[in-house]
């Protein structure tokens, strides 16, 4: 793990506090309009899983990945979908998603 990832990992326990006023419901509503009939979603850089949690509660099948294990541990308590440790440049779980 490089130094940048270590610093990112230290933020995990504070991430949701920093973004407590962020309107995830509004952002997710926008995403749902774009997704339309699509049902399976992969969130690249899912962080603590806030968007995934709302999408999953709305009936979407969700998976996510992030490069920080601490973020994923928090997300794990929010969603039933699969979470993966990985980087956007080389992530591959051999699954297909609608979006």
PDB file of N, CA and C in Angstrom:
ATOM      1  N   UNK A   1       0.869  -1.177   0.000  1.00  0.00           N
ATOM      2  CA  UNK A   1       0.000   0.000   0.000  1.00  0.00           C
ATOM      3  C   UNK A   1       0.910   1.232   0.000  1.00  0.00           C
ATOM      4  N   UNK A   2       0.666   2.136  -0.937  1.00  0.00           N
ATOM      5  CA  UNK A   2       1.510   3.317  -0.992  1.00  0.00           C
ATOM      6  C   UNK A   2       1.059   4.359   0.025  1.00  0.00           C
ATOM      7  N   UNK A   3       1.873   5.387   0.193  1.00  0.00           N
ATOM      8  CA  UNK A   3       1.618   6.412   1.210  1.00  0.00           C
ATOM      9  C   UNK A   3       0.273   7.111   1.008  1.00  0.00           C
ATOM     10  N   UNK A   4      -0.095   7.358  -0.236  1.00  0.00           N
ATOM     11  CA  UNK A   4      -1.378   8.005  -0.531  1.00  0.00           C
ATOM     12  C   UNK A   4      -2.552   7.148  -0.050  1.00  0.00           C
ATOM     13  N   UNK A   5      -2.485   5.842  -0.275  1.00  0.00           N
ATOM     14  CA  UNK A   5      -3.542   4.945   0.176  1.00  0.00           C
ATOM     15  C   UNK A   5      -3.618   4.879   1.696  1.00  0.00           C
ATOM     16  N   UNK A   6      -2.480   4.940   2.360  1.00  0.00           N
ATOM     17  CA  UNK A   6      -2.458   4.933   3.818  1.00  0.00           C
ATOM     18  C   UNK A   6      -3.185   6.163   4.348  1.00  0.00           C
ATOM     19  N   UNK A   7      -2.907   7.315   3.777  1.00  0.00           N
ATOM     20  CA  UNK A   7      -3.582   8.552   4.200  1.00  0.00           C
ATOM     21  C   UNK A   7      -5.082   8.466   3.928  1.00  0.00           C
ATOM     22  N   UNK A   8      -5.463   7.952   2.773  1.00  0.00           N
ATOM     23  CA  UNK A   8      -6.874   7.769   2.423  1.00  0.00           C
ATOM     24  C   UNK A   8      -7.541   6.845   3.440  1.00  0.00           C
ATOM     25  N   UNK A   9      -6.850   5.797   3.839  1.00  0.00           N
ATOM     26  CA  UNK A   9      -7.384   4.854   4.811  1.00  0.00           C
ATOM     27  C   UNK A   9      -7.639   5.482   6.165  1.00  0.00           C
ATOM     28  N   UNK A  10      -6.804   6.412   6.550  1.00  0.00           N
ATOM     29  CA  UNK A  10      -6.982   7.093   7.831  1.00  0.00           C
ATOM     30  C   UNK A  10      -8.264   7.925   7.842  1.00  0.00           C
ATOM     31  N   UNK A  11      -8.722   8.343   6.669  1.00  0.00           N
ATOM     32  CA  UNK A  11      -9.943   9.147   6.575  1.00  0.00           C
ATOM     33  C   UNK A  11     -11.213   8.325   6.706  1.00  0.00           C
ATOM     34  N   UNK A  12     -11.126   7.026   6.554  1.00  0.00           N
ATOM     35  CA  UNK A  12     -12.317   6.179   6.505  1.00  0.00           C
ATOM     36  C   UNK A  12     -13.253   6.405   7.683  1.00  0.00           C
ATOM     37  N   UNK A  13     -12.718   6.445   8.886  1.00  0.00           N
ATOM     38  CA  UNK A  13     -13.592   6.581  10.063  1.00  0.00           C
ATOM     39  C   UNK A  13     -14.228   7.961  10.166  1.00  0.00           C
ATOM     40  N   UNK A  14     -13.710   8.922   9.425  1.00  0.00           N
ATOM     41  CA  UNK A  14     -14.260  10.281   9.455  1.00  0.00           C
ATOM     42  C   UNK A  14     -15.077  10.625   8.205  1.00  0.00           C
ATOM     43  N   UNK A  15     -14.995   9.784   7.192  1.00  0.00           N
ATOM     44  CA  UNK A  15     -15.578  10.090   5.882  1.00  0.00           C
ATOM     45  C   UNK A  15     -17.057  10.456   5.979  1.00  0.00           C
ATOM     46  N   UNK A  16     -17.846   9.622   6.640  1.00  0.00           N
ATOM     47  CA  UNK A  16     -19.285   9.887   6.730  1.00  0.00           C
ATOM     48  C   UNK A  16     -19.582  11.127   7.574  1.00  0.00           C
ATOM     49  N   UNK A  17     -18.723  11.422   8.524  1.00  0.00           N
ATOM     50  CA  UNK A  17     -18.898  12.648   9.320  1.00  0.00           C
ATOM     51  C   UNK A  17     -18.637  13.868   8.441  1.00  0.00           C
ATOM     52  N   UNK A  18     -17.561  13.831   7.648  1.00  0.00           N
ATOM     53  CA  UNK A  18     -17.236  14.949   6.759  1.00  0.00           C
ATOM     54  C   UNK A  18     -18.363  15.231   5.778  1.00  0.00           C
ATOM     55  N   UNK A  19     -18.990  14.162   5.299  1.00  0.00           N
ATOM     56  CA  UNK A  19     -20.004  14.305   4.255  1.00  0.00           C
ATOM     57  C   UNK A  19     -21.428  14.123   4.772  1.00  0.00           C
ATOM     58  N   UNK A  20     -21.662  14.349   6.062  1.00  0.00           N
ATOM     59  CA  UNK A  20     -22.994  14.142   6.632  1.00  0.00           C
ATOM     60  C   UNK A  20     -24.044  15.060   6.019  1.00  0.00           C
ATOM     61  N   UNK A  21     -23.639  16.216   5.498  1.00  0.00           N
ATOM     62  CA  UNK A  21     -24.600  17.139   4.887  1.00  0.00           C
ATOM     63  C   UNK A  21     -24.716  16.968   3.373  1.00  0.00           C
ATOM     64  N   UNK A  22     -23.985  16.020   2.834  1.00  0.00           N
ATOM     65  CA  UNK A  22     -24.069  15.741   1.402  1.00  0.00           C
ATOM     66  C   UNK A  22     -25.412  15.087   1.109  1.00  0.00           C
ATOM     67  N   UNK A  23     -26.067  15.515   0.052  1.00  0.00           N
ATOM     68  CA  UNK A  23     -27.395  15.001  -0.255  1.00  0.00           C
ATOM     69  C   UNK A  23     -27.285  13.748  -1.133  1.00  0.00           C
ATOM     70  N   UNK A  24     -27.025  12.623  -0.488  1.00  0.00           N
ATOM     71  CA  UNK A  24     -26.908  11.356  -1.200  1.00  0.00           C
ATOM     72  C   UNK A  24     -28.222  10.959  -1.855  1.00  0.00           C
ATOM     73  N   UNK A  25     -29.345  11.309  -1.235  1.00  0.00           N
ATOM     74  CA  UNK A  25     -30.649  10.960  -1.806  1.00  0.00           C
ATOM     75  C   UNK A  25     -30.895  11.703  -3.120  1.00  0.00           C
ATOM     76  N   UNK A  26     -30.508  12.961  -3.175  1.00  0.00           N
ATOM     77  CA  UNK A  26     -30.662  13.727  -4.412  1.00  0.00           C
ATOM     78  C   UNK A  26     -29.750  13.160  -5.501  1.00  0.00           C
ATOM     79  N   UNK A  27     -28.506  12.883  -5.144  1.00  0.00           N
ATOM     80  CA  UNK A  27     -27.573  12.322  -6.122  1.00  0.00           C
ATOM     81  C   UNK A  27     -28.057  10.957  -6.608  1.00  0.00           C
ATOM     82  N   UNK A  28     -28.566  10.148  -5.686  1.00  0.00           N
ATOM     83  CA  UNK A  28     -29.031   8.821  -6.049  1.00  0.00           C
ATOM     84  C   UNK A  28     -30.302   8.887  -6.889  1.00  0.00           C
ATOM     85  N   UNK A  29     -31.148   9.862  -6.624  1.00  0.00           N
ATOM     86  CA  UNK A  29     -32.339  10.060  -7.443  1.00  0.00           C
ATOM     87  C   UNK A  29     -31.937  10.354  -8.888  1.00  0.00           C
ATOM     88  N   UNK A  30     -30.939  11.188  -9.055  1.00  0.00           N
ATOM     89  CA  UNK A  30     -30.396  11.488 -10.381  1.00  0.00           C
ATOM     90  C   UNK A  30     -29.877  10.204 -11.033  1.00  0.00           C
ATOM     91  N   UNK A  31     -29.139   9.404 -10.269  1.00  0.00           N
ATOM     92  CA  UNK A  31     -28.613   8.145 -10.806  1.00  0.00           C
ATOM     93  C   UNK A  31     -29.734   7.202 -11.220  1.00  0.00           C
ATOM     94  N   UNK A  32     -30.774   7.095 -10.399  1.00  0.00           N
ATOM     95  CA  UNK A  32     -31.897   6.207 -10.718  1.00  0.00           C
ATOM     96  C   UNK A  32     -32.577   6.633 -12.014  1.00  0.00           C
ATOM     97  N   UNK A  33     -32.683   7.923 -12.252  1.00  0.00           N
ATOM     98  CA  UNK A  33     -33.270   8.403 -13.510  1.00  0.00           C
ATOM     99  C   UNK A  33     -32.422   7.988 -14.703  1.00  0.00           C
ATOM    100  N   UNK A  34     -31.121   8.055 -14.548  1.00  0.00           N
ATOM    101  CA  UNK A  34     -30.214   7.660 -15.628  1.00  0.00           C
ATOM    102  C   UNK A  34     -30.249   6.145 -15.826  1.00  0.00           C
ATOM    103  N   UNK A  35     -30.309   5.403 -14.728  1.00  0.00           N
ATOM    104  CA  UNK A  35     -30.260   3.944 -14.809  1.00  0.00           C
ATOM    105  C   UNK A  35     -31.514   3.343 -15.439  1.00  0.00           C
ATOM    106  N   UNK A  36     -32.647   3.976 -15.243  1.00  0.00           N
ATOM    107  CA  UNK A  36     -33.886   3.477 -15.841  1.00  0.00           C
ATOM    108  C   UNK A  36     -34.179   2.047 -15.448  1.00  0.00           C
ATOM    109  N   UNK A  37     -34.292   1.156 -16.447  1.00  0.00           N
ATOM    110  CA  UNK A  37     -34.639  -0.249 -16.214  1.00  0.00           C
ATOM    111  C   UNK A  37     -33.446  -1.109 -15.812  1.00  0.00           C
ATOM    112  N   UNK A  38     -32.272  -0.551 -15.838  1.00  0.00           N
ATOM    113  CA  UNK A  38     -31.087  -1.327 -15.459  1.00  0.00           C
ATOM    114  C   UNK A  38     -31.189  -1.685 -13.978  1.00  0.00           C
ATOM    115  N   UNK A  39     -30.746  -2.867 -13.619  1.00  0.00           N
ATOM    116  CA  UNK A  39     -30.901  -3.317 -12.234  1.00  0.00           C
ATOM    117  C   UNK A  39     -29.593  -3.612 -11.509  1.00  0.00           C
ATOM    118  N   UNK A  40     -28.554  -4.026 -12.215  1.00  0.00           N
ATOM    119  CA  UNK A  40     -27.304  -4.350 -11.528  1.00  0.00           C
ATOM    120  C   UNK A  40     -26.301  -3.218 -11.734  1.00  0.00           C
ATOM    121  N   UNK A  41     -25.690  -2.818 -10.617  1.00  0.00           N
ATOM    122  CA  UNK A  41     -24.815  -1.642 -10.625  1.00  0.00           C
ATOM    123  C   UNK A  41     -23.500  -1.968  -9.936  1.00  0.00           C
ATOM    124  N   UNK A  42     -22.407  -1.553 -10.537  1.00  0.00           N
ATOM    125  CA  UNK A  42     -21.086  -1.615  -9.918  1.00  0.00           C
ATOM    126  C   UNK A  42     -20.628  -0.193  -9.655  1.00  0.00           C
ATOM    127  N   UNK A  43     -20.322   0.113  -8.414  1.00  0.00           N
ATOM    128  CA  UNK A  43     -19.843   1.437  -8.024  1.00  0.00           C
ATOM    129  C   UNK A  43     -18.331   1.386  -7.894  1.00  0.00           C
ATOM    130  N   UNK A  44     -17.646   2.052  -8.813  1.00  0.00           N
ATOM    131  CA  UNK A  44     -16.189   2.143  -8.796  1.00  0.00           C
ATOM    132  C   UNK A  44     -15.782   3.275  -7.864  1.00  0.00           C
ATOM    133  N   UNK A  45     -15.059   2.940  -6.807  1.00  0.00           N
ATOM    134  CA  UNK A  45     -14.705   3.940  -5.810  1.00  0.00           C
ATOM    135  C   UNK A  45     -15.871   4.183  -4.873  1.00  0.00           C
ATOM    136  N   UNK A  46     -16.439   3.108  -4.364  1.00  0.00           N
ATOM    137  CA  UNK A  46     -17.680   3.186  -3.584  1.00  0.00           C
ATOM    138  C   UNK A  46     -17.502   3.799  -2.199  1.00  0.00           C
ATOM    139  N   UNK A  47     -16.274   3.975  -1.747  1.00  0.00           N
ATOM    140  CA  UNK A  47     -16.051   4.574  -0.431  1.00  0.00           C
ATOM    141  C   UNK A  47     -16.777   3.795   0.652  1.00  0.00           C
ATOM    142  N   UNK A  48     -17.542   4.493   1.465  1.00  0.00           N
ATOM    143  CA  UNK A  48     -18.256   3.855   2.578  1.00  0.00           C
ATOM    144  C   UNK A  48     -19.634   3.340   2.182  1.00  0.00           C
ATOM    145  N   UNK A  49     -19.963   3.373   0.898  1.00  0.00           N
ATOM    146  CA  UNK A  49     -21.160   2.719   0.392  1.00  0.00           C
ATOM    147  C   UNK A  49     -22.468   3.478   0.490  1.00  0.00           C
ATOM    148  N   UNK A  50     -22.418   4.782   0.664  1.00  0.00           N
ATOM    149  CA  UNK A  50     -23.661   5.542   0.852  1.00  0.00           C
ATOM    150  C   UNK A  50     -24.577   5.503  -0.364  1.00  0.00           C
ATOM    151  N   UNK A  51     -24.030   5.659  -1.562  1.00  0.00           N
ATOM    152  CA  UNK A  51     -24.869   5.584  -2.763  1.00  0.00           C
ATOM    153  C   UNK A  51     -25.404   4.157  -2.944  1.00  0.00           C
ATOM    154  N   UNK A  52     -24.546   3.178  -2.712  1.00  0.00           N
ATOM    155  CA  UNK A  52     -24.961   1.786  -2.866  1.00  0.00           C
ATOM    156  C   UNK A  52     -26.088   1.426  -1.904  1.00  0.00           C
ATOM    157  N   UNK A  53     -26.008   1.914  -0.696  1.00  0.00           N
ATOM    158  CA  UNK A  53     -27.039   1.629   0.299  1.00  0.00           C
ATOM    159  C   UNK A  53     -28.411   2.103  -0.174  1.00  0.00           C
ATOM    160  N   UNK A  54     -28.472   3.300  -0.694  1.00  0.00           N
ATOM    161  CA  UNK A  54     -29.746   3.855  -1.161  1.00  0.00           C
ATOM    162  C   UNK A  54     -30.238   3.110  -2.405  1.00  0.00           C
ATOM    163  N   UNK A  55     -29.328   2.824  -3.326  1.00  0.00           N
ATOM    164  CA  UNK A  55     -29.715   2.085  -4.526  1.00  0.00           C
ATOM    165  C   UNK A  55     -30.228   0.692  -4.177  1.00  0.00           C
ATOM    166  N   UNK A  56     -29.557   0.030  -3.260  1.00  0.00           N
ATOM    167  CA  UNK A  56     -29.971  -1.310  -2.862  1.00  0.00           C
ATOM    168  C   UNK A  56     -31.359  -1.284  -2.220  1.00  0.00           C
ATOM    169  N   UNK A  57     -31.614  -0.308  -1.377  1.00  0.00           N
ATOM    170  CA  UNK A  57     -32.931  -0.172  -0.746  1.00  0.00           C
ATOM    171  C   UNK A  57     -34.013   0.152  -1.775  1.00  0.00           C
ATOM    172  N   UNK A  58     -33.597   0.663  -2.931  1.00  0.00           N
ATOM    173  CA  UNK A  58     -34.540   0.984  -4.005  1.00  0.00           C
ATOM    174  C   UNK A  58     -34.733  -0.179  -4.973  1.00  0.00           C
ATOM    175  N   UNK A  59     -34.131  -1.329  -4.677  1.00  0.00           N
ATOM    176  CA  UNK A  59     -34.344  -2.514  -5.484  1.00  0.00           C
ATOM    177  C   UNK A  59     -33.229  -2.867  -6.454  1.00  0.00           C
ATOM    178  N   UNK A  60     -32.152  -2.108  -6.461  1.00  0.00           N
ATOM    179  CA  UNK A  60     -31.035  -2.412  -7.348  1.00  0.00           C
ATOM    180  C   UNK A  60     -30.164  -3.502  -6.738  1.00  0.00           C
ATOM    181  N   UNK A  61     -29.532  -4.266  -7.599  1.00  0.00           N
ATOM    182  CA  UNK A  61     -28.521  -5.240  -7.189  1.00  0.00           C
ATOM    183  C   UNK A  61     -27.193  -4.512  -7.282  1.00  0.00           C
ATOM    184  N   UNK A  62     -26.499  -4.389  -6.160  1.00  0.00           N
ATOM    185  CA  UNK A  62     -25.317  -3.533  -6.126  1.00  0.00           C
ATOM    186  C   UNK A  62     -24.074  -4.280  -5.676  1.00  0.00           C
ATOM    187  N   UNK A  63     -22.962  -3.923  -6.289  1.00  0.00           N
ATOM    188  CA  UNK A  63     -21.625  -4.300  -5.861  1.00  0.00           C
ATOM    189  C   UNK A  63     -20.781  -3.031  -5.906  1.00  0.00           C
ATOM    190  N   UNK A  64     -19.691  -3.056  -5.186  1.00  0.00           N
ATOM    191  CA  UNK A  64     -18.806  -1.902  -5.216  1.00  0.00           C
ATOM    192  C   UNK A  64     -17.367  -2.312  -4.981  1.00  0.00           C
ATOM    193  N   UNK A  65     -16.477  -1.423  -5.383  1.00  0.00           N
ATOM    194  CA  UNK A  65     -15.068  -1.646  -5.058  1.00  0.00           C
ATOM    195  C   UNK A  65     -14.409  -0.321  -4.724  1.00  0.00           C
ATOM    196  N   UNK A  66     -13.379  -0.437  -3.936  1.00  0.00           N
ATOM    197  CA  UNK A  66     -12.618   0.732  -3.509  1.00  0.00           C
ATOM    198  C   UNK A  66     -11.189   0.273  -3.269  1.00  0.00           C
ATOM    199  N   UNK A  67     -10.258   1.198  -3.289  1.00  0.00           N
ATOM    200  CA  UNK A  67      -8.866   0.837  -3.070  1.00  0.00           C
ATOM    201  C   UNK A  67      -8.488   0.857  -1.600  1.00  0.00           C
ATOM    202  N   UNK A  68      -9.463   1.114  -0.738  1.00  0.00           N
ATOM    203  CA  UNK A  68      -9.159   1.176   0.680  1.00  0.00           C
ATOM    204  C   UNK A  68     -10.024   0.219   1.489  1.00  0.00           C
ATOM    205  N   UNK A  69      -9.373  -0.680   2.165  1.00  0.00           N
ATOM    206  CA  UNK A  69     -10.059  -1.712   2.934  1.00  0.00           C
ATOM    207  C   UNK A  69     -10.885  -1.134   4.088  1.00  0.00           C
ATOM    208  N   UNK A  70     -10.412  -0.074   4.704  1.00  0.00           N
ATOM    209  CA  UNK A  70     -11.145   0.530   5.814  1.00  0.00           C
ATOM    210  C   UNK A  70     -12.485   1.104   5.353  1.00  0.00           C
ATOM    211  N   UNK A  71     -12.512   1.705   4.173  1.00  0.00           N
ATOM    212  CA  UNK A  71     -13.765   2.211   3.612  1.00  0.00           C
ATOM    213  C   UNK A  71     -14.728   1.052   3.365  1.00  0.00           C
ATOM    214  N   UNK A  72     -14.213  -0.032   2.847  1.00  0.00           N
ATOM    215  CA  UNK A  72     -15.051  -1.192   2.549  1.00  0.00           C
ATOM    216  C   UNK A  72     -15.617  -1.838   3.811  1.00  0.00           C
ATOM    217  N   UNK A  73     -14.861  -1.820   4.890  1.00  0.00           N
ATOM    218  CA  UNK A  73     -15.357  -2.374   6.154  1.00  0.00           C
ATOM    219  C   UNK A  73     -16.578  -1.600   6.649  1.00  0.00           C
ATOM    220  N   UNK A  74     -16.575  -0.300   6.442  1.00  0.00           N
ATOM    221  CA  UNK A  74     -17.734   0.524   6.817  1.00  0.00           C
ATOM    222  C   UNK A  74     -18.899   0.228   5.875  1.00  0.00           C
ATOM    223  N   UNK A  75     -18.610   0.147   4.571  1.00  0.00           N
ATOM    224  CA  UNK A  75     -19.654  -0.139   3.580  1.00  0.00           C
ATOM    225  C   UNK A  75     -20.294  -1.501   3.816  1.00  0.00           C
ATOM    226  N   UNK A  76     -19.513  -2.449   4.301  1.00  0.00           N
ATOM    227  CA  UNK A  76     -19.999  -3.811   4.537  1.00  0.00           C
ATOM    228  C   UNK A  76     -21.186  -3.830   5.499  1.00  0.00           C
ATOM    229  N   UNK A  77     -21.219  -2.902   6.431  1.00  0.00           N
ATOM    230  CA  UNK A  77     -22.329  -2.827   7.382  1.00  0.00           C
ATOM    231  C   UNK A  77     -23.566  -2.167   6.792  1.00  0.00           C
ATOM    232  N   UNK A  78     -23.455  -1.598   5.599  1.00  0.00           N
ATOM    233  CA  UNK A  78     -24.559  -0.860   4.991  1.00  0.00           C
ATOM    234  C   UNK A  78     -25.272  -1.619   3.884  1.00  0.00           C
ATOM    235  N   UNK A  79     -24.548  -2.513   3.204  1.00  0.00           N
ATOM    236  CA  UNK A  79     -25.144  -3.171   2.034  1.00  0.00           C
ATOM    237  C   UNK A  79     -24.983  -4.691   2.104  1.00  0.00           C
ATOM    238  N   UNK A  80     -25.843  -5.376   1.348  1.00  0.00           N
ATOM    239  CA  UNK A  80     -25.766  -6.834   1.231  1.00  0.00           C
ATOM    240  C   UNK A  80     -24.931  -7.241   0.023  1.00  0.00           C
ATOM    241  N   UNK A  81     -24.789  -6.327  -0.939  1.00  0.00           N
ATOM    242  CA  UNK A  81     -24.047  -6.626  -2.162  1.00  0.00           C
ATOM    243  C   UNK A  81     -22.582  -6.921  -1.884  1.00  0.00           C
ATOM    244  N   UNK A  82     -21.897  -7.361  -2.914  1.00  0.00           N
ATOM    245  CA  UNK A  82     -20.477  -7.699  -2.805  1.00  0.00           C
ATOM    246  C   UNK A  82     -19.609  -6.452  -2.820  1.00  0.00           C
ATOM    247  N   UNK A  83     -18.562  -6.493  -2.038  1.00  0.00           N
ATOM    248  CA  UNK A  83     -17.574  -5.417  -2.009  1.00  0.00           C
ATOM    249  C   UNK A  83     -16.205  -6.010  -2.284  1.00  0.00           C
ATOM    250  N   UNK A  84     -15.434  -5.293  -3.082  1.00  0.00           N
ATOM    251  CA  UNK A  84     -14.135  -5.785  -3.495  1.00  0.00           C
ATOM    252  C   UNK A  84     -13.071  -4.727  -3.244  1.00  0.00           C
ATOM    253  N   UNK A  85     -11.895  -5.201  -2.884  1.00  0.00           N
ATOM    254  CA  UNK A  85     -10.735  -4.332  -2.767  1.00  0.00           C
ATOM    255  C   UNK A  85     -10.079  -4.288  -4.137  1.00  0.00           C
ATOM    256  N   UNK A  86      -9.972  -3.105  -4.718  1.00  0.00           N
ATOM    257  CA  UNK A  86      -9.383  -3.023  -6.043  1.00  0.00           C
ATOM    258  C   UNK A  86      -9.220  -1.596  -6.517  1.00  0.00           C
ATOM    259  N   UNK A  87      -8.434  -1.443  -7.556  1.00  0.00           N
ATOM    260  CA  UNK A  87      -8.138  -0.149  -8.166  1.00  0.00           C
ATOM    261  C   UNK A  87      -8.825  -0.071  -9.518  1.00  0.00           C
ATOM    262  N   UNK A  88      -9.336   1.079  -9.856  1.00  0.00           N
ATOM    263  CA  UNK A  88     -10.100   1.257 -11.094  1.00  0.00           C
ATOM    264  C   UNK A  88      -9.291   0.909 -12.350  1.00  0.00           C
ATOM    265  N   UNK A  89      -7.988   1.031 -12.289  1.00  0.00           N
ATOM    266  CA  UNK A  89      -7.164   0.768 -13.469  1.00  0.00           C
ATOM    267  C   UNK A  89      -7.006  -0.719 -13.783  1.00  0.00           C
ATOM    268  N   UNK A  90      -7.232  -1.581 -12.770  1.00  0.00           N
ATOM    269  CA  UNK A  90      -7.043  -3.005 -13.053  1.00  0.00           C
ATOM    270  C   UNK A  90      -8.099  -3.906 -12.405  1.00  0.00           C
ATOM    271  N   UNK A  91      -9.200  -3.339 -11.970  1.00  0.00           N
ATOM    272  CA  UNK A  91     -10.239  -4.149 -11.328  1.00  0.00           C
ATOM    273  C   UNK A  91     -10.952  -5.022 -12.348  1.00  0.00           C
ATOM    274  N   UNK A  92     -11.156  -6.292 -11.982  1.00  0.00           N
ATOM    275  CA  UNK A  92     -11.928  -7.202 -12.806  1.00  0.00           C
ATOM    276  C   UNK A  92     -12.420  -8.338 -11.925  1.00  0.00           C
ATOM    277  N   UNK A  93     -13.718  -8.455 -11.771  1.00  0.00           N
ATOM    278  CA  UNK A  93     -14.291  -9.570 -11.011  1.00  0.00           C
ATOM    279  C   UNK A  93     -15.006 -10.545 -11.943  1.00  0.00           C
ATOM    280  N   UNK A  94     -14.836 -10.361 -13.241  1.00  0.00           N
ATOM    281  CA  UNK A  94     -15.424 -11.227 -14.266  1.00  0.00           C
ATOM    282  C   UNK A  94     -16.945 -11.317 -14.213  1.00  0.00           C
ATOM    283  N   UNK A  95     -17.570 -10.275 -13.699  1.00  0.00           N
ATOM    284  CA  UNK A  95     -19.027 -10.183 -13.700  1.00  0.00           C
ATOM    285  C   UNK A  95     -19.438  -9.084 -14.655  1.00  0.00           C
ATOM    286  N   UNK A  96     -20.650  -9.174 -15.156  1.00  0.00           N
ATOM    287  CA  UNK A  96     -21.197  -8.119 -16.021  1.00  0.00           C
ATOM    288  C   UNK A  96     -22.275  -7.376 -15.248  1.00  0.00           C
ATOM    289  N   UNK A  97     -22.331  -6.078 -15.473  1.00  0.00           N
ATOM    290  CA  UNK A  97     -23.301  -5.217 -14.807  1.00  0.00           C
ATOM    291  C   UNK A  97     -24.056  -4.403 -15.849  1.00  0.00           C
ATOM    292  N   UNK A  98     -25.257  -4.004 -15.488  1.00  0.00           N
ATOM    293  CA  UNK A  98     -26.031  -3.120 -16.358  1.00  0.00           C
ATOM    294  C   UNK A  98     -25.449  -1.715 -16.387  1.00  0.00           C
ATOM    295  N   UNK A  99     -24.879  -1.314 -15.285  1.00  0.00           N
ATOM    296  CA  UNK A  99     -24.311   0.044 -15.198  1.00  0.00           C
ATOM    297  C   UNK A  99     -23.183   0.075 -14.189  1.00  0.00           C
TER     298      UNK A  99
END
